[in-house]
PDB file of N, CA and C in Angstrom:
ATOM      1  N   UNK A   1       0.858  -1.199   0.031  1.00  0.00           N
ATOM      2  CA  UNK A   1       0.019  -0.055   0.024  1.00  0.00           C
ATOM      3  C   UNK A   1       0.897   1.212   0.002  1.00  0.00           C
ATOM      4  N   UNK A   2       0.669   2.157  -0.857  1.00  0.00           N
ATOM      5  CA  UNK A   2       1.453   3.444  -0.934  1.00  0.00           C
ATOM      6  C   UNK A   2       1.058   4.325   0.173  1.00  0.00           C
ATOM      7  N   UNK A   3       2.009   5.231   0.654  1.00  0.00           N
ATOM      8  CA  UNK A   3       1.788   6.022   1.736  1.00  0.00           C
ATOM      9  C   UNK A   3       0.444   6.894   1.668  1.00  0.00           C
ATOM     10  N   UNK A   4       0.066   7.185   0.435  1.00  0.00           N
ATOM     11  CA  UNK A   4      -1.140   8.089   0.345  1.00  0.00           C
ATOM     12  C   UNK A   4      -2.421   7.188   0.244  1.00  0.00           C
ATOM     13  N   UNK A   5      -2.254   5.906   0.229  1.00  0.00           N
ATOM     14  CA  UNK A   5      -3.421   4.992   0.237  1.00  0.00           C
ATOM     15  C   UNK A   5      -3.793   4.689   1.719  1.00  0.00           C
ATOM     16  N   UNK A   6      -4.732   5.412   2.236  1.00  0.00           N
ATOM     17  CA  UNK A   6      -5.215   5.160   3.617  1.00  0.00           C
ATOM     18  C   UNK A   6      -6.387   4.179   3.627  1.00  0.00           C
ATOM     19  N   UNK A   7      -6.425   3.423   4.578  1.00  0.00           N
ATOM     20  CA  UNK A   7      -7.588   2.476   4.759  1.00  0.00           C
ATOM     21  C   UNK A   7      -8.594   3.173   5.682  1.00  0.00           C
ATOM     22  N   UNK A   8      -9.711   3.547   5.105  1.00  0.00           N
ATOM     23  CA  UNK A   8     -10.851   4.172   5.924  1.00  0.00           C
ATOM     24  C   UNK A   8     -11.699   3.014   6.293  1.00  0.00           C
ATOM     25  N   UNK A   9     -11.999   2.901   7.600  1.00  0.00           N
ATOM     26  CA  UNK A   9     -12.716   1.792   8.092  1.00  0.00           C
ATOM     27  C   UNK A   9     -14.146   1.649   7.342  1.00  0.00           C
ATOM     28  N   UNK A  10     -14.202   0.441   6.860  1.00  0.00           N
ATOM     29  CA  UNK A  10     -15.363   0.035   6.105  1.00  0.00           C
ATOM     30  C   UNK A  10     -15.305   0.391   4.634  1.00  0.00           C
ATOM     31  N   UNK A  11     -14.309   1.098   4.164  1.00  0.00           N
ATOM     32  CA  UNK A  11     -14.295   1.594   2.817  1.00  0.00           C
ATOM     33  C   UNK A  11     -13.142   0.955   1.984  1.00  0.00           C
ATOM     34  N   UNK A  12     -12.069   0.538   2.657  1.00  0.00           N
ATOM     35  CA  UNK A  12     -10.881  -0.026   1.916  1.00  0.00           C
ATOM     36  C   UNK A  12      -9.783   1.013   1.527  1.00  0.00           C
ATOM     37  N   UNK A  13      -8.746   0.562   1.072  1.00  0.00           N
ATOM     38  CA  UNK A  13      -7.567   1.448   0.679  1.00  0.00           C
ATOM     39  C   UNK A  13      -8.014   2.392  -0.386  1.00  0.00           C
ATOM     40  N   UNK A  14      -7.448   3.589  -0.328  1.00  0.00           N
ATOM     41  CA  UNK A  14      -7.682   4.651  -1.300  1.00  0.00           C
ATOM     42  C   UNK A  14      -8.949   5.421  -1.136  1.00  0.00           C
ATOM     43  N   UNK A  15      -9.883   4.998  -0.240  1.00  0.00           N
ATOM     44  CA  UNK A  15     -11.102   5.703  -0.109  1.00  0.00           C
ATOM     45  C   UNK A  15     -10.842   6.977   0.671  1.00  0.00           C
ATOM     46  N   UNK A  16     -11.613   7.943   0.397  1.00  0.00           N
ATOM     47  CA  UNK A  16     -11.486   9.280   0.977  1.00  0.00           C
ATOM     48  C   UNK A  16     -12.487   9.471   2.130  1.00  0.00           C
ATOM     49  N   UNK A  17     -12.038   9.907   3.349  1.00  0.00           N
ATOM     50  CA  UNK A  17     -12.973  10.117   4.358  1.00  0.00           C
ATOM     51  C   UNK A  17     -13.882  11.291   4.108  1.00  0.00           C
ATOM     52  N   UNK A  18     -15.046  11.400   4.664  1.00  0.00           N
ATOM     53  CA  UNK A  18     -15.917  12.478   4.461  1.00  0.00           C
ATOM     54  C   UNK A  18     -15.277  13.755   5.201  1.00  0.00           C
ATOM     55  N   UNK A  19     -15.424  14.889   4.502  1.00  0.00           N
ATOM     56  CA  UNK A  19     -14.921  16.138   5.147  1.00  0.00           C
ATOM     57  C   UNK A  19     -16.139  17.034   5.608  1.00  0.00           C
ATOM     58  N   UNK A  20     -16.105  17.461   6.836  1.00  0.00           N
ATOM     59  CA  UNK A  20     -17.080  18.382   7.366  1.00  0.00           C
ATOM     60  C   UNK A  20     -16.644  19.723   7.131  1.00  0.00           C
ATOM     61  N   UNK A  21     -17.214  20.365   6.109  1.00  0.00           N
ATOM     62  CA  UNK A  21     -16.821  21.699   5.604  1.00  0.00           C
ATOM     63  C   UNK A  21     -17.416  22.820   6.622  1.00  0.00           C
ATOM     64  N   UNK A  22     -18.192  22.402   7.541  1.00  0.00           N
ATOM     65  CA  UNK A  22     -18.648  23.444   8.563  1.00  0.00           C
ATOM     66  C   UNK A  22     -17.644  23.858   9.512  1.00  0.00           C
ATOM     67  N   UNK A  23     -16.555  23.150   9.471  1.00  0.00           N
ATOM     68  CA  UNK A  23     -15.388  23.415  10.385  1.00  0.00           C
ATOM     69  C   UNK A  23     -14.172  23.865   9.526  1.00  0.00           C
ATOM     70  N   UNK A  24     -13.466  24.802  10.014  1.00  0.00           N
ATOM     71  CA  UNK A  24     -12.214  25.113   9.270  1.00  0.00           C
ATOM     72  C   UNK A  24     -10.971  25.019  10.249  1.00  0.00           C
ATOM     73  N   UNK A  25      -9.885  24.393   9.767  1.00  0.00           N
ATOM     74  CA  UNK A  25      -8.684  24.156  10.455  1.00  0.00           C
ATOM     75  C   UNK A  25      -7.903  25.503  10.497  1.00  0.00           C
ATOM     76  N   UNK A  26      -7.309  25.817  11.695  1.00  0.00           N
ATOM     77  CA  UNK A  26      -6.546  27.054  11.746  1.00  0.00           C
ATOM     78  C   UNK A  26      -5.429  26.790  12.796  1.00  0.00           C
ATOM     79  N   UNK A  27      -4.493  27.773  12.871  1.00  0.00           N
ATOM     80  CA  UNK A  27      -3.443  27.690  13.842  1.00  0.00           C
ATOM     81  C   UNK A  27      -3.249  29.069  14.463  1.00  0.00           C
ATOM     82  N   UNK A  28      -2.731  29.115  15.742  1.00  0.00           N
ATOM     83  CA  UNK A  28      -2.406  30.326  16.391  1.00  0.00           C
ATOM     84  C   UNK A  28      -1.032  30.163  16.912  1.00  0.00           C
ATOM     85  N   UNK A  29      -0.175  31.231  16.811  1.00  0.00           N
ATOM     86  CA  UNK A  29       1.165  31.018  17.298  1.00  0.00           C
ATOM     87  C   UNK A  29       1.600  32.304  18.179  1.00  0.00           C
ATOM     88  N   UNK A  30       2.484  31.996  19.145  1.00  0.00           N
ATOM     89  CA  UNK A  30       3.034  33.104  19.931  1.00  0.00           C
ATOM     90  C   UNK A  30       4.395  32.626  20.489  1.00  0.00           C
ATOM     91  N   UNK A  31       5.355  33.576  20.598  1.00  0.00           N
ATOM     92  CA  UNK A  31       6.545  33.309  21.348  1.00  0.00           C
ATOM     93  C   UNK A  31       6.276  33.499  22.817  1.00  0.00           C
ATOM     94  N   UNK A  32       6.557  32.453  23.673  1.00  0.00           N
ATOM     95  CA  UNK A  32       6.200  32.548  25.034  1.00  0.00           C
ATOM     96  C   UNK A  32       7.245  33.390  25.805  1.00  0.00           C
ATOM     97  N   UNK A  33       6.765  34.368  26.564  1.00  0.00           N
ATOM     98  CA  UNK A  33       7.562  35.224  27.338  1.00  0.00           C
ATOM     99  C   UNK A  33       7.495  34.787  28.813  1.00  0.00           C
ATOM    100  N   UNK A  34       8.311  35.480  29.718  1.00  0.00           N
ATOM    101  CA  UNK A  34       8.206  35.221  31.189  1.00  0.00           C
ATOM    102  C   UNK A  34       6.879  35.550  31.669  1.00  0.00           C
ATOM    103  N   UNK A  35       6.318  36.763  31.318  1.00  0.00           N
ATOM    104  CA  UNK A  35       4.914  37.155  31.732  1.00  0.00           C
ATOM    105  C   UNK A  35       3.922  36.305  31.030  1.00  0.00           C
ATOM    106  N   UNK A  36       2.720  36.238  31.514  1.00  0.00           N
ATOM    107  CA  UNK A  36       1.644  35.502  30.886  1.00  0.00           C
ATOM    108  C   UNK A  36       1.466  35.936  29.428  1.00  0.00           C
ATOM    109  N   UNK A  37       1.604  35.024  28.519  1.00  0.00           N
ATOM    110  CA  UNK A  37       1.632  35.268  27.141  1.00  0.00           C
ATOM    111  C   UNK A  37       0.341  34.562  26.558  1.00  0.00           C
ATOM    112  N   UNK A  38      -0.489  35.427  25.841  1.00  0.00           N
ATOM    113  CA  UNK A  38      -1.679  34.964  25.207  1.00  0.00           C
ATOM    114  C   UNK A  38      -1.344  34.227  23.960  1.00  0.00           C
ATOM    115  N   UNK A  39      -1.851  32.926  23.790  1.00  0.00           N
ATOM    116  CA  UNK A  39      -1.631  32.235  22.614  1.00  0.00           C
ATOM    117  C   UNK A  39      -2.855  32.157  21.774  1.00  0.00           C
ATOM    118  N   UNK A  40      -4.046  32.055  22.374  1.00  0.00           N
ATOM    119  CA  UNK A  40      -5.319  31.976  21.592  1.00  0.00           C
ATOM    120  C   UNK A  40      -6.469  32.409  22.493  1.00  0.00           C
ATOM    121  N   UNK A  41      -7.403  33.171  21.804  1.00  0.00           N
ATOM    122  CA  UNK A  41      -8.610  33.604  22.439  1.00  0.00           C
ATOM    123  C   UNK A  41      -9.752  33.209  21.489  1.00  0.00           C
ATOM    124  N   UNK A  42     -10.755  32.458  22.111  1.00  0.00           N
ATOM    125  CA  UNK A  42     -11.924  32.003  21.278  1.00  0.00           C
ATOM    126  C   UNK A  42     -12.790  33.187  21.144  1.00  0.00           C
ATOM    127  N   UNK A  43     -13.178  33.536  19.884  1.00  0.00           N
ATOM    128  CA  UNK A  43     -14.030  34.706  19.596  1.00  0.00           C
ATOM    129  C   UNK A  43     -15.449  34.517  19.924  1.00  0.00           C
ATOM    130  N   UNK A  44     -16.141  35.609  20.176  1.00  0.00           N
ATOM    131  CA  UNK A  44     -17.590  35.582  20.406  1.00  0.00           C
ATOM    132  C   UNK A  44     -18.391  34.789  19.374  1.00  0.00           C
ATOM    133  N   UNK A  45     -19.296  33.854  19.935  1.00  0.00           N
ATOM    134  CA  UNK A  45     -20.078  33.088  19.014  1.00  0.00           C
ATOM    135  C   UNK A  45     -19.497  31.836  18.425  1.00  0.00           C
ATOM    136  N   UNK A  46     -18.207  31.564  18.906  1.00  0.00           N
ATOM    137  CA  UNK A  46     -17.503  30.412  18.363  1.00  0.00           C
ATOM    138  C   UNK A  46     -17.343  29.351  19.494  1.00  0.00           C
ATOM    139  N   UNK A  47     -17.083  28.097  18.938  1.00  0.00           N
ATOM    140  CA  UNK A  47     -16.600  27.046  19.737  1.00  0.00           C
ATOM    141  C   UNK A  47     -15.473  26.456  19.015  1.00  0.00           C
ATOM    142  N   UNK A  48     -14.263  26.284  19.616  1.00  0.00           N
ATOM    143  CA  UNK A  48     -13.094  25.722  18.935  1.00  0.00           C
ATOM    144  C   UNK A  48     -12.708  24.405  19.589  1.00  0.00           C
ATOM    145  N   UNK A  49     -12.292  23.464  18.718  1.00  0.00           N
ATOM    146  CA  UNK A  49     -11.771  22.231  19.235  1.00  0.00           C
ATOM    147  C   UNK A  49     -10.313  22.229  19.061  1.00  0.00           C
ATOM    148  N   UNK A  50      -9.490  22.239  20.144  1.00  0.00           N
ATOM    149  CA  UNK A  50      -8.042  22.171  20.139  1.00  0.00           C
ATOM    150  C   UNK A  50      -7.662  20.765  19.704  1.00  0.00           C
ATOM    151  N   UNK A  51      -6.724  20.685  18.749  1.00  0.00           N
ATOM    152  CA  UNK A  51      -6.259  19.390  18.312  1.00  0.00           C
ATOM    153  C   UNK A  51      -4.857  19.107  18.863  1.00  0.00           C
ATOM    154  N   UNK A  52      -3.964  20.145  18.802  1.00  0.00           N
ATOM    155  CA  UNK A  52      -2.619  19.965  19.343  1.00  0.00           C
ATOM    156  C   UNK A  52      -2.021  21.298  19.780  1.00  0.00           C
ATOM    157  N   UNK A  53      -0.970  21.168  20.673  1.00  0.00           N
ATOM    158  CA  UNK A  53      -0.186  22.229  21.069  1.00  0.00           C
ATOM    159  C   UNK A  53       1.260  21.805  20.903  1.00  0.00           C
ATOM    160  N   UNK A  54       2.036  22.543  20.060  1.00  0.00           N
ATOM    161  CA  UNK A  54       3.471  22.222  19.818  1.00  0.00           C
ATOM    162  C   UNK A  54       4.243  23.360  20.479  1.00  0.00           C
ATOM    163  N   UNK A  55       5.263  23.003  21.351  1.00  0.00           N
ATOM    164  CA  UNK A  55       6.149  23.871  21.954  1.00  0.00           C
ATOM    165  C   UNK A  55       7.590  23.641  21.226  1.00  0.00           C
ATOM    166  N   UNK A  56       7.994  24.611  20.488  1.00  0.00           N
ATOM    167  CA  UNK A  56       9.248  24.458  19.707  1.00  0.00           C
ATOM    168  C   UNK A  56      10.347  25.397  20.220  1.00  0.00           C
ATOM    169  N   UNK A  57      11.446  24.833  20.654  1.00  0.00           N
ATOM    170  CA  UNK A  57      12.595  25.563  21.142  1.00  0.00           C
ATOM    171  C   UNK A  57      13.650  25.477  20.046  1.00  0.00           C
ATOM    172  N   UNK A  58      13.874  26.552  19.341  1.00  0.00           N
ATOM    173  CA  UNK A  58      14.899  26.671  18.196  1.00  0.00           C
ATOM    174  C   UNK A  58      16.235  27.256  18.757  1.00  0.00           C
ATOM    175  N   UNK A  59      16.361  27.438  20.109  1.00  0.00           N
ATOM    176  CA  UNK A  59      17.504  28.030  20.628  1.00  0.00           C
ATOM    177  C   UNK A  59      18.522  26.999  21.206  1.00  0.00           C
ATOM    178  N   UNK A  60      19.600  27.398  21.659  1.00  0.00           N
ATOM    179  CA  UNK A  60      20.652  26.436  22.355  1.00  0.00           C
ATOM    180  C   UNK A  60      20.468  26.337  23.871  1.00  0.00           C
ATOM    181  N   UNK A  61      19.354  26.875  24.350  1.00  0.00           N
ATOM    182  CA  UNK A  61      19.159  26.801  25.854  1.00  0.00           C
ATOM    183  C   UNK A  61      17.816  26.150  26.091  1.00  0.00           C
ATOM    184  N   UNK A  62      17.726  25.247  27.089  1.00  0.00           N
ATOM    185  CA  UNK A  62      16.555  24.632  27.512  1.00  0.00           C
ATOM    186  C   UNK A  62      15.582  25.695  28.109  1.00  0.00           C
ATOM    187  N   UNK A  63      14.264  25.424  28.035  1.00  0.00           N
ATOM    188  CA  UNK A  63      13.279  26.311  28.587  1.00  0.00           C
ATOM    189  C   UNK A  63      12.188  25.569  29.250  1.00  0.00           C
ATOM    190  N   UNK A  64      11.603  26.079  30.313  1.00  0.00           N
ATOM    191  CA  UNK A  64      10.603  25.461  31.144  1.00  0.00           C
ATOM    192  C   UNK A  64       9.289  26.311  30.899  1.00  0.00           C
ATOM    193  N   UNK A  65       8.200  25.516  30.420  1.00  0.00           N
ATOM    194  CA  UNK A  65       6.981  26.238  30.006  1.00  0.00           C
ATOM    195  C   UNK A  65       5.789  25.706  30.828  1.00  0.00           C
ATOM    196  N   UNK A  66       4.809  26.534  31.174  1.00  0.00           N
ATOM    197  CA  UNK A  66       3.590  26.120  31.725  1.00  0.00           C
ATOM    198  C   UNK A  66       2.505  26.789  30.826  1.00  0.00           C
ATOM    199  N   UNK A  67       1.567  25.844  30.588  1.00  0.00           N
ATOM    200  CA  UNK A  67       0.419  26.210  29.647  1.00  0.00           C
ATOM    201  C   UNK A  67      -0.920  26.129  30.411  1.00  0.00           C
ATOM    202  N   UNK A  68      -1.777  27.119  30.177  1.00  0.00           N
ATOM    203  CA  UNK A  68      -3.034  27.111  30.966  1.00  0.00           C
ATOM    204  C   UNK A  68      -4.176  27.279  29.923  1.00  0.00           C
ATOM    205  N   UNK A  69      -5.349  26.588  30.268  1.00  0.00           N
ATOM    206  CA  UNK A  69      -6.589  26.794  29.460  1.00  0.00           C
ATOM    207  C   UNK A  69      -7.445  27.566  30.448  1.00  0.00           C
ATOM    208  N   UNK A  70      -7.780  28.786  30.129  1.00  0.00           N
ATOM    209  CA  UNK A  70      -8.457  29.642  31.080  1.00  0.00           C
ATOM    210  C   UNK A  70      -9.834  29.973  30.639  1.00  0.00           C
ATOM    211  N   UNK A  71     -10.871  29.519  31.366  1.00  0.00           N
ATOM    212  CA  UNK A  71     -12.202  29.785  31.063  1.00  0.00           C
ATOM    213  C   UNK A  71     -12.493  31.339  31.125  1.00  0.00           C
ATOM    214  N   UNK A  72     -13.529  31.786  30.394  1.00  0.00           N
ATOM    215  CA  UNK A  72     -13.835  33.209  30.362  1.00  0.00           C
ATOM    216  C   UNK A  72     -14.011  33.697  31.755  1.00  0.00           C
ATOM    217  N   UNK A  73     -13.410  34.857  32.027  1.00  0.00           N
ATOM    218  CA  UNK A  73     -13.659  35.498  33.316  1.00  0.00           C
ATOM    219  C   UNK A  73     -12.706  35.044  34.475  1.00  0.00           C
ATOM    220  N   UNK A  74     -11.871  33.996  34.186  1.00  0.00           N
ATOM    221  CA  UNK A  74     -10.940  33.548  35.130  1.00  0.00           C
ATOM    222  C   UNK A  74      -9.482  33.921  34.816  1.00  0.00           C
ATOM    223  N   UNK A  75      -8.626  33.617  35.765  1.00  0.00           N
ATOM    224  CA  UNK A  75      -7.180  33.893  35.622  1.00  0.00           C
ATOM    225  C   UNK A  75      -6.421  32.598  35.550  1.00  0.00           C
ATOM    226  N   UNK A  76      -5.186  32.609  34.972  1.00  0.00           N
ATOM    227  CA  UNK A  76      -4.393  31.433  34.999  1.00  0.00           C
ATOM    228  C   UNK A  76      -4.066  31.005  36.424  1.00  0.00           C
ATOM    229  N   UNK A  77      -4.191  29.752  36.735  1.00  0.00           N
ATOM    230  CA  UNK A  77      -3.970  29.251  38.126  1.00  0.00           C
ATOM    231  C   UNK A  77      -3.563  27.778  38.018  1.00  0.00           C
ATOM    232  N   UNK A  78      -3.291  27.209  39.145  1.00  0.00           N
ATOM    233  CA  UNK A  78      -3.063  25.760  39.257  1.00  0.00           C
ATOM    234  C   UNK A  78      -4.215  24.970  38.724  1.00  0.00           C
ATOM    235  N   UNK A  79      -5.415  25.543  38.981  1.00  0.00           N
ATOM    236  CA  UNK A  79      -6.712  24.809  38.509  1.00  0.00           C
ATOM    237  C   UNK A  79      -6.847  24.807  36.954  1.00  0.00           C
ATOM    238  N   UNK A  80      -6.194  25.758  36.343  1.00  0.00           N
ATOM    239  CA  UNK A  80      -6.394  25.853  34.857  1.00  0.00           C
ATOM    240  C   UNK A  80      -5.134  25.351  34.132  1.00  0.00           C
ATOM    241  N   UNK A  81      -4.217  24.701  34.837  1.00  0.00           N
ATOM    242  CA  UNK A  81      -2.931  24.279  34.153  1.00  0.00           C
ATOM    243  C   UNK A  81      -3.208  22.937  33.462  1.00  0.00           C
ATOM    244  N   UNK A  82      -2.712  22.947  32.179  1.00  0.00           N
ATOM    245  CA  UNK A  82      -2.807  21.689  31.428  1.00  0.00           C
ATOM    246  C   UNK A  82      -1.366  21.083  31.201  1.00  0.00           C
ATOM    247  N   UNK A  83      -0.414  21.903  31.142  1.00  0.00           N
ATOM    248  CA  UNK A  83       1.043  21.471  30.995  1.00  0.00           C
ATOM    249  C   UNK A  83       1.809  22.217  31.978  1.00  0.00           C
ATOM    250  N   UNK A  84       2.351  21.553  32.982  1.00  0.00           N
ATOM    251  CA  UNK A  84       3.059  22.294  34.073  1.00  0.00           C
ATOM    252  C   UNK A  84       4.571  21.985  34.093  1.00  0.00           C
ATOM    253  N   UNK A  85       5.318  22.961  34.002  1.00  0.00           N
ATOM    254  CA  UNK A  85       6.738  22.977  34.053  1.00  0.00           C
ATOM    255  C   UNK A  85       7.323  21.951  33.039  1.00  0.00           C
ATOM    256  N   UNK A  86       6.913  22.063  31.829  1.00  0.00           N
ATOM    257  CA  UNK A  86       7.402  21.171  30.727  1.00  0.00           C
ATOM    258  C   UNK A  86       8.758  21.710  30.348  1.00  0.00           C
ATOM    259  N   UNK A  87       9.752  20.885  30.399  1.00  0.00           N
ATOM    260  CA  UNK A  87      11.118  21.239  29.921  1.00  0.00           C
ATOM    261  C   UNK A  87      11.207  20.947  28.507  1.00  0.00           C
ATOM    262  N   UNK A  88      11.393  22.103  27.652  1.00  0.00           N
ATOM    263  CA  UNK A  88      11.633  21.968  26.262  1.00  0.00           C
ATOM    264  C   UNK A  88      13.103  22.096  26.021  1.00  0.00           C
ATOM    265  N   UNK A  89      13.673  20.917  25.706  1.00  0.00           N
ATOM    266  CA  UNK A  89      15.151  20.948  25.518  1.00  0.00           C
ATOM    267  C   UNK A  89      15.587  21.819  24.369  1.00  0.00           C
ATOM    268  N   UNK A  90      16.818  22.171  24.251  1.00  0.00           N
ATOM    269  CA  UNK A  90      17.356  23.006  23.165  1.00  0.00           C
ATOM    270  C   UNK A  90      17.194  22.145  21.809  1.00  0.00           C
ATOM    271  N   UNK A  91      16.766  23.035  20.825  1.00  0.00           N
ATOM    272  CA  UNK A  91      16.536  22.515  19.432  1.00  0.00           C
ATOM    273  C   UNK A  91      15.606  21.290  19.431  1.00  0.00           C
ATOM    274  N   UNK A  92      14.478  21.371  20.209  1.00  0.00           N
ATOM    275  CA  UNK A  92      13.533  20.265  20.239  1.00  0.00           C
ATOM    276  C   UNK A  92      12.045  20.786  20.217  1.00  0.00           C
ATOM    277  N   UNK A  93      11.183  19.899  20.077  1.00  0.00           N
ATOM    278  CA  UNK A  93       9.778  20.251  20.069  1.00  0.00           C
ATOM    279  C   UNK A  93       9.023  19.271  21.023  1.00  0.00           C
ATOM    280  N   UNK A  94       8.102  19.781  21.857  1.00  0.00           N
ATOM    281  CA  UNK A  94       7.264  18.963  22.657  1.00  0.00           C
ATOM    282  C   UNK A  94       5.876  19.053  22.044  1.00  0.00           C
ATOM    283  N   UNK A  95       5.204  17.917  21.960  1.00  0.00           N
ATOM    284  CA  UNK A  95       3.806  17.888  21.344  1.00  0.00           C
ATOM    285  C   UNK A  95       2.785  17.364  22.357  1.00  0.00           C
ATOM    286  N   UNK A  96       1.707  18.084  22.400  1.00  0.00           N
ATOM    287  CA  UNK A  96       0.487  17.742  23.221  1.00  0.00           C
ATOM    288  C   UNK A  96      -0.645  17.496  22.232  1.00  0.00           C
ATOM    289  N   UNK A  97      -1.159  16.325  22.187  1.00  0.00           N
ATOM    290  CA  UNK A  97      -2.254  15.949  21.196  1.00  0.00           C
ATOM    291  C   UNK A  97      -3.420  15.430  21.940  1.00  0.00           C
ATOM    292  N   UNK A  98      -4.343  16.249  22.279  1.00  0.00           N
ATOM    293  CA  UNK A  98      -5.587  15.835  22.887  1.00  0.00           C
ATOM    294  C   UNK A  98      -6.719  16.832  22.391  1.00  0.00           C
ATOM    295  N   UNK A  99      -7.844  16.371  22.148  1.00  0.00           N
ATOM    296  CA  UNK A  99      -8.943  17.206  21.803  1.00  0.00           C
ATOM    297  C   UNK A  99      -9.568  17.836  22.994  1.00  0.00           C
ATOM    298  N   UNK A 100      -9.746  19.197  22.850  1.00  0.00           N
ATOM    299  CA  UNK A 100     -10.164  20.009  24.007  1.00  0.00           C
ATOM    300  C   UNK A 100     -11.207  21.055  23.385  1.00  0.00           C
ATOM    301  N   UNK A 101     -12.417  21.148  23.945  1.00  0.00           N
ATOM    302  CA  UNK A 101     -13.340  22.076  23.368  1.00  0.00           C
ATOM    303  C   UNK A 101     -13.293  23.328  24.174  1.00  0.00           C
ATOM    304  N   UNK A 102     -13.176  24.511  23.520  1.00  0.00           N
ATOM    305  CA  UNK A 102     -13.211  25.728  24.222  1.00  0.00           C
ATOM    306  C   UNK A 102     -14.392  26.584  23.648  1.00  0.00           C
ATOM    307  N   UNK A 103     -14.991  27.314  24.515  1.00  0.00           N
ATOM    308  CA  UNK A 103     -16.185  28.166  24.199  1.00  0.00           C
ATOM    309  C   UNK A 103     -15.729  29.670  24.104  1.00  0.00           C
ATOM    310  N   UNK A 104     -16.615  30.432  23.524  1.00  0.00           N
ATOM    311  CA  UNK A 104     -16.249  31.882  23.386  1.00  0.00           C
ATOM    312  C   UNK A 104     -15.800  32.479  24.710  1.00  0.00           C
ATOM    313  N   UNK A 105     -14.724  33.245  24.603  1.00  0.00           N
ATOM    314  CA  UNK A 105     -14.114  33.916  25.770  1.00  0.00           C
ATOM    315  C   UNK A 105     -13.061  33.102  26.470  1.00  0.00           C
ATOM    316  N   UNK A 106     -12.992  31.795  26.238  1.00  0.00           N
ATOM    317  CA  UNK A 106     -11.939  30.934  26.788  1.00  0.00           C
ATOM    318  C   UNK A 106     -10.596  31.270  26.098  1.00  0.00           C
ATOM    319  N   UNK A 107      -9.484  31.054  26.755  1.00  0.00           N
ATOM    320  CA  UNK A 107      -8.166  31.267  26.123  1.00  0.00           C
ATOM    321  C   UNK A 107      -7.185  30.195  26.518  1.00  0.00           C
ATOM    322  N   UNK A 108      -6.079  30.220  25.785  1.00  0.00           N
ATOM    323  CA  UNK A 108      -4.941  29.476  26.098  1.00  0.00           C
ATOM    324  C   UNK A 108      -3.734  30.453  26.294  1.00  0.00           C
ATOM    325  N   UNK A 109      -3.124  30.367  27.422  1.00  0.00           N
ATOM    326  CA  UNK A 109      -1.988  31.255  27.781  1.00  0.00           C
ATOM    327  C   UNK A 109      -0.859  30.387  28.288  1.00  0.00           C
ATOM    328  N   UNK A 110       0.364  30.985  28.270  1.00  0.00           N
ATOM    329  CA  UNK A 110       1.521  30.264  28.777  1.00  0.00           C
ATOM    330  C   UNK A 110       2.524  31.263  29.403  1.00  0.00           C
ATOM    331  N   UNK A 111       3.393  30.620  30.272  1.00  0.00           N
ATOM    332  CA  UNK A 111       4.606  31.382  30.826  1.00  0.00           C
ATOM    333  C   UNK A 111       5.803  30.556  30.628  1.00  0.00           C
ATOM    334  N   UNK A 112       6.955  31.255  30.651  1.00  0.00           N
ATOM    335  CA  UNK A 112       8.259  30.647  30.492  1.00  0.00           C
ATOM    336  C   UNK A 112       9.185  31.056  31.599  1.00  0.00           C
ATOM    337  N   UNK A 113      10.163  30.272  31.936  1.00  0.00           N
ATOM    338  CA  UNK A 113      11.135  30.574  32.947  1.00  0.00           C
ATOM    339  C   UNK A 113      11.957  31.727  32.563  1.00  0.00           C
ATOM    340  N   UNK A 114      12.484  31.705  31.263  1.00  0.00           N
ATOM    341  CA  UNK A 114      13.361  32.766  30.709  1.00  0.00           C
ATOM    342  C   UNK A 114      12.751  33.679  29.750  1.00  0.00           C
ATOM    343  N   UNK A 115      11.884  33.091  28.929  1.00  0.00           N
ATOM    344  CA  UNK A 115      11.107  33.787  27.921  1.00  0.00           C
ATOM    345  C   UNK A 115      11.879  34.030  26.619  1.00  0.00           C
ATOM    346  N   UNK A 116      11.072  34.036  25.520  1.00  0.00           N
ATOM    347  CA  UNK A 116      11.575  34.303  24.214  1.00  0.00           C
ATOM    348  C   UNK A 116      12.283  33.142  23.511  1.00  0.00           C
ATOM    349  N   UNK A 117      12.305  31.959  24.120  1.00  0.00           N
ATOM    350  CA  UNK A 117      12.970  30.839  23.544  1.00  0.00           C
ATOM    351  C   UNK A 117      12.087  29.869  22.768  1.00  0.00           C
ATOM    352  N   UNK A 118      10.845  29.750  23.231  1.00  0.00           N
ATOM    353  CA  UNK A 118       9.926  28.778  22.717  1.00  0.00           C
ATOM    354  C   UNK A 118       8.698  29.458  21.954  1.00  0.00           C
ATOM    355  N   UNK A 119       8.331  28.841  20.828  1.00  0.00           N
ATOM    356  CA  UNK A 119       7.185  29.252  20.055  1.00  0.00           C
ATOM    357  C   UNK A 119       6.041  28.179  20.329  1.00  0.00           C
ATOM    358  N   UNK A 120       4.879  28.682  20.730  1.00  0.00           N
ATOM    359  CA  UNK A 120       3.766  27.767  20.895  1.00  0.00           C
ATOM    360  C   UNK A 120       2.905  27.924  19.645  1.00  0.00           C
ATOM    361  N   UNK A 121       2.541  26.764  19.114  1.00  0.00           N
ATOM    362  CA  UNK A 121       1.609  26.633  17.935  1.00  0.00           C
ATOM    363  C   UNK A 121       0.389  25.838  18.461  1.00  0.00           C
ATOM    364  N   UNK A 122      -0.748  26.339  18.285  1.00  0.00           N
ATOM    365  CA  UNK A 122      -1.990  25.672  18.621  1.00  0.00           C
ATOM    366  C   UNK A 122      -2.760  25.478  17.346  1.00  0.00           C
ATOM    367  N   UNK A 123      -3.090  24.162  17.144  1.00  0.00           N
ATOM    368  CA  UNK A 123      -3.872  23.708  15.995  1.00  0.00           C
ATOM    369  C   UNK A 123      -5.258  23.482  16.436  1.00  0.00           C
ATOM    370  N   UNK A 124      -6.292  24.009  15.704  1.00  0.00           N
ATOM    371  CA  UNK A 124      -7.667  23.879  16.155  1.00  0.00           C
ATOM    372  C   UNK A 124      -8.652  23.971  14.960  1.00  0.00           C
ATOM    373  N   UNK A 125      -9.852  23.411  15.274  1.00  0.00           N
ATOM    374  CA  UNK A 125     -10.992  23.512  14.429  1.00  0.00           C
ATOM    375  C   UNK A 125     -11.881  24.629  14.899  1.00  0.00           C
ATOM    376  N   UNK A 126     -12.285  25.525  14.088  1.00  0.00           N
ATOM    377  CA  UNK A 126     -13.181  26.600  14.486  1.00  0.00           C
ATOM    378  C   UNK A 126     -14.613  26.344  13.847  1.00  0.00           C
ATOM    379  N   UNK A 127     -15.637  26.557  14.679  1.00  0.00           N
ATOM    380  CA  UNK A 127     -16.989  26.413  14.030  1.00  0.00           C
ATOM    381  C   UNK A 127     -17.896  27.330  14.762  1.00  0.00           C
TER     382      UNK A 127
END
């Protein structure tokens, strides 16, 4: 089977899965600083499904990152932490792949020990 021939359950090799065009895939990116850095804000009237968070360190120094999912009207705290003190080694990427549904006004923010070393990329579906 060629790499592009995917087996879709019940359809066999080469079959194409159905695409839900009511959702569009998007990304948000920010360089994480020492102070709380906003990565993504869900806009009014939307619901977004987070697919992954990539933390990429392209520098020669390791960095420690904490990521929060903050419900509307709340502040980052231990209760809103989803990745705590993740060490992103030099020239490496950490990947978090879980589906997470955020509502309008919810946000993803992060902090870093030193700041400016790691780029966060959030992949999500907007609808």
